[in-house]
């Protein structure tokens, strides 16, 4: 049987190993469409961190997107093809935007915001299909 000290020590090691994985996963949000084909999300992006909102989009599908932030953020929409990253949209230092993504290929698309400021930033996002 393990002593309490060994259990505490093992728990501390496991927590230290899993923390970066959990922290990174907290920055990635899966798109969950509502019955009326909308997705709305509000969040805070810590200084120097990012958030991604990702989901499957079919070829030929159009996704309306808009966002507002209280700080200037780097923004992009991207997907991965092997080791390559394709950017259907990319904007630097913006506090808002809106457009329509017209998916040319079926992919897992990610809307991503990076906060390069020294303060947390509020972000409100809306997607519709």
Protein backbone atom coordinates (compact mmCIF):
# COMPACT_ATOMS: atom_id res chain seq x y z
CA UNK A 1 0.00 0.00 0.00
CA UNK A 2 1.28 3.51 -0.85
CA UNK A 3 1.97 5.96 1.91
CA UNK A 4 0.09 9.26 1.96
CA UNK A 5 3.32 11.09 1.16
CA UNK A 6 3.88 8.96 -1.96
CA UNK A 7 0.27 9.51 -3.08
CA UNK A 8 0.62 13.28 -2.60
CA UNK A 9 3.96 13.26 -4.41
CA UNK A 10 2.53 11.20 -7.30
CA UNK A 11 -0.48 13.51 -7.55
CA UNK A 12 1.75 16.58 -7.63
CA UNK A 13 3.88 15.08 -10.41
CA UNK A 14 0.80 14.11 -12.44
CA UNK A 15 -0.71 17.57 -12.01
CA UNK A 16 2.55 19.23 -13.10
CA UNK A 17 2.72 17.02 -16.19
CA UNK A 18 -0.91 17.51 -17.22
CA UNK A 19 -1.23 21.25 -16.45
CA UNK A 20 0.25 22.46 -19.78
CA UNK A 21 -2.07 20.09 -21.68
CA UNK A 22 -5.14 21.24 -19.74
CA UNK A 23 -4.16 24.91 -20.03
CA UNK A 24 -3.68 24.61 -23.81
CA UNK A 25 -6.95 22.69 -24.21
CA UNK A 26 -8.76 25.47 -22.35
CA UNK A 27 -7.75 27.79 -25.20
CA UNK A 28 -9.44 25.60 -27.84
CA UNK A 29 -13.23 25.68 -28.07
CA UNK A 30 -15.26 23.24 -30.17
CA UNK A 31 -18.07 24.75 -32.22
CA UNK A 32 -21.44 23.51 -30.97
CA UNK A 33 -24.13 24.73 -33.37
CA UNK A 34 -27.54 25.61 -31.92
CA UNK A 35 -30.80 24.44 -33.51
CA UNK A 36 -30.92 27.70 -35.49
CA UNK A 37 -27.35 27.11 -36.85
CA UNK A 38 -25.61 29.69 -34.64
CA UNK A 39 -22.64 29.60 -32.33
CA UNK A 40 -22.02 32.40 -29.82
CA UNK A 41 -19.04 32.55 -27.48
CA UNK A 42 -17.65 35.12 -25.04
CA UNK A 43 -14.30 34.76 -23.34
CA UNK A 44 -11.26 36.48 -21.86
CA UNK A 45 -7.88 36.01 -23.53
CA UNK A 46 -5.01 36.33 -21.08
CA UNK A 47 -2.07 38.58 -21.95
CA UNK A 48 0.25 36.78 -24.37
CA UNK A 49 -2.24 33.93 -24.95
CA UNK A 50 -4.67 32.86 -27.65
CA UNK A 51 -8.07 31.27 -28.15
CA UNK A 52 -9.21 29.11 -31.07
CA UNK A 53 -12.76 28.17 -32.01
CA UNK A 54 -12.71 25.10 -34.26
CA UNK A 55 -15.16 22.89 -36.09
CA UNK A 56 -15.85 20.89 -39.22
CA UNK A 57 -17.01 22.84 -42.25
CA UNK A 58 -18.16 21.11 -45.44
CA UNK A 59 -16.89 22.03 -48.89
CA UNK A 60 -19.10 24.76 -50.33
CA UNK A 61 -20.54 25.69 -46.93
CA UNK A 62 -20.66 29.36 -45.97
CA UNK A 63 -20.10 30.47 -42.37
CA UNK A 64 -20.88 34.07 -41.42
CA UNK A 65 -18.58 35.28 -38.68
CA UNK A 66 -18.20 38.39 -36.59
CA UNK A 67 -16.28 39.37 -33.49
CA UNK A 68 -15.60 42.30 -31.20
CA UNK A 69 -12.78 42.70 -28.69
CA UNK A 70 -11.76 45.40 -26.24
CA UNK A 71 -8.11 45.22 -27.38
CA UNK A 72 -6.18 44.90 -30.62
CA UNK A 73 -5.74 41.20 -31.44
CA UNK A 74 -4.16 39.23 -34.24
CA UNK A 75 -6.90 37.21 -36.00
CA UNK A 76 -6.95 34.42 -38.52
CA UNK A 77 -9.02 31.59 -39.88
CA UNK A 78 -6.93 28.54 -40.68
CA UNK A 79 -6.86 24.82 -41.28
CA UNK A 80 -4.08 22.24 -41.47
CA UNK A 81 -3.01 20.12 -44.44
CA UNK A 82 -0.29 17.83 -43.15
CA UNK A 83 2.42 20.12 -41.79
CA UNK A 84 1.15 23.12 -43.76
CA UNK A 85 -1.28 25.73 -42.45
CA UNK A 86 -3.72 27.40 -44.88
CA UNK A 87 -5.12 30.86 -43.97
CA UNK A 88 -8.41 31.80 -45.68
CA UNK A 89 -8.32 35.01 -43.57
CA UNK A 90 -5.58 36.78 -41.64
CA UNK A 91 -5.60 40.22 -40.00
CA UNK A 92 -3.15 41.87 -37.61
CA UNK A 93 -4.03 44.12 -34.68
CA UNK A 94 -7.81 44.40 -35.07
CA UNK A 95 -10.55 44.81 -32.47
CA UNK A 96 -13.37 43.51 -34.62
CA UNK A 97 -14.44 42.18 -37.95
CA UNK A 98 -17.04 40.34 -39.94
CA UNK A 99 -17.18 38.41 -43.18
CA UNK A 100 -18.24 35.10 -44.67
CA UNK A 101 -15.98 32.06 -44.90
CA UNK A 102 -16.80 30.15 -48.08
CA UNK A 103 -15.15 26.79 -47.53
CA UNK A 104 -13.37 25.57 -50.64
CA UNK A 105 -12.57 22.20 -49.05
CA UNK A 106 -14.07 20.13 -46.24
CA UNK A 107 -11.82 20.73 -43.22
CA UNK A 108 -11.64 21.45 -39.51
CA UNK A 109 -11.48 25.26 -39.63
CA UNK A 110 -10.25 27.34 -36.68
CA UNK A 111 -11.00 30.99 -35.94
CA UNK A 112 -8.05 32.17 -33.84
CA UNK A 113 -7.29 35.32 -31.85
CA UNK A 114 -3.91 36.10 -30.26
CA UNK A 115 -3.56 38.72 -27.52
CA UNK A 116 -0.08 40.24 -27.76
CA UNK A 117 -0.91 42.97 -25.22
CA UNK A 118 0.12 43.08 -21.56
CA UNK A 119 -3.51 42.95 -20.33
CA UNK A 120 -6.37 40.43 -20.67
CA UNK A 121 -8.78 41.07 -23.55
CA UNK A 122 -12.52 40.41 -23.76
CA UNK A 123 -13.76 38.73 -26.94
CA UNK A 124 -17.29 38.14 -28.23
CA UNK A 125 -17.74 35.89 -31.29
CA UNK A 126 -20.74 34.89 -33.36
CA UNK A 127 -20.82 32.33 -36.18
CA UNK A 128 -23.80 31.38 -38.34
CA UNK A 129 -24.42 28.99 -41.18
